[in-house]
């Protein structure tokens, strides 16, 4: 992702209505590039792109 984490992370938090402390936001901004790269690897295998994960919680009454 090419977006600046210092801009994107606070915007996502505001959109979600979450107000963490400044220290937490700084940690999220620092971790964002690694997390974004890890998420992108989930889609790196074309055969698995549309598959459902093995561990799915289904609440039933």
Protein backbone atom coordinates (compact mmCIF):
# COMPACT_ATOMS: atom_id res chain seq x y z
CA UNK A 1 0.00 0.00 0.00
CA UNK A 2 1.33 3.40 -0.97
CA UNK A 3 -0.63 5.51 1.51
CA UNK A 4 1.24 7.27 4.31
CA UNK A 5 0.57 5.33 7.55
CA UNK A 6 0.76 8.59 9.55
CA UNK A 7 -2.29 9.78 7.61
CA UNK A 8 -4.08 6.48 6.97
CA UNK A 9 -4.05 5.00 10.49
CA UNK A 10 -5.63 8.02 12.23
CA UNK A 11 -8.19 8.28 9.42
CA UNK A 12 -9.15 4.62 9.81
CA UNK A 13 -9.41 5.01 13.58
CA UNK A 14 -11.64 8.08 13.21
CA UNK A 15 -13.83 6.27 10.69
CA UNK A 16 -14.21 3.39 13.13
CA UNK A 17 -14.98 5.78 15.99
CA UNK A 18 -11.98 4.54 18.01
CA UNK A 19 -9.90 6.96 20.11
CA UNK A 20 -6.76 5.21 21.37
CA UNK A 21 -4.00 7.04 23.23
CA UNK A 22 -1.25 8.83 21.32
CA UNK A 23 1.20 6.07 22.28
CA UNK A 24 -1.13 3.41 20.88
CA UNK A 25 -1.60 5.35 17.65
CA UNK A 26 2.17 5.76 17.31
CA UNK A 27 2.61 2.00 17.75
CA UNK A 28 -0.09 1.29 15.15
CA UNK A 29 1.54 3.69 12.69
CA UNK A 30 4.93 2.03 13.22
CA UNK A 31 3.44 -1.47 12.79
CA UNK A 32 1.24 -0.62 9.82
CA UNK A 33 3.69 -1.29 6.95
CA UNK A 34 4.52 -4.77 8.27
CA UNK A 35 0.89 -5.61 8.90
CA UNK A 36 -0.16 -4.36 5.47
CA UNK A 37 2.54 -6.52 3.84
CA UNK A 38 1.40 -9.55 5.85
CA UNK A 39 -2.19 -9.01 4.73
CA UNK A 40 -1.10 -8.76 1.10
CA UNK A 41 0.61 -12.17 1.39
CA UNK A 42 -2.77 -13.71 2.19
CA UNK A 43 -3.75 -13.04 -1.43
CA UNK A 44 -0.43 -14.16 -2.93
CA UNK A 45 -1.68 -17.70 -3.70
CA UNK A 46 -4.19 -17.41 -6.55
CA UNK A 47 -5.71 -20.83 -5.85
CA UNK A 48 -6.59 -19.83 -2.28
CA UNK A 49 -7.92 -16.36 -3.00
CA UNK A 50 -11.61 -17.24 -2.84
CA UNK A 51 -11.40 -20.15 -0.42
CA UNK A 52 -12.83 -20.01 3.07
CA UNK A 53 -10.36 -20.43 5.92
CA UNK A 54 -10.41 -23.72 7.82
CA UNK A 55 -11.14 -22.07 11.14
CA UNK A 56 -14.43 -20.24 10.93
CA UNK A 57 -16.58 -19.57 13.99
CA UNK A 58 -20.26 -20.11 13.34
CA UNK A 59 -22.50 -19.26 16.27
CA UNK A 60 -25.58 -21.43 16.36
CA UNK A 61 -28.42 -21.33 18.81
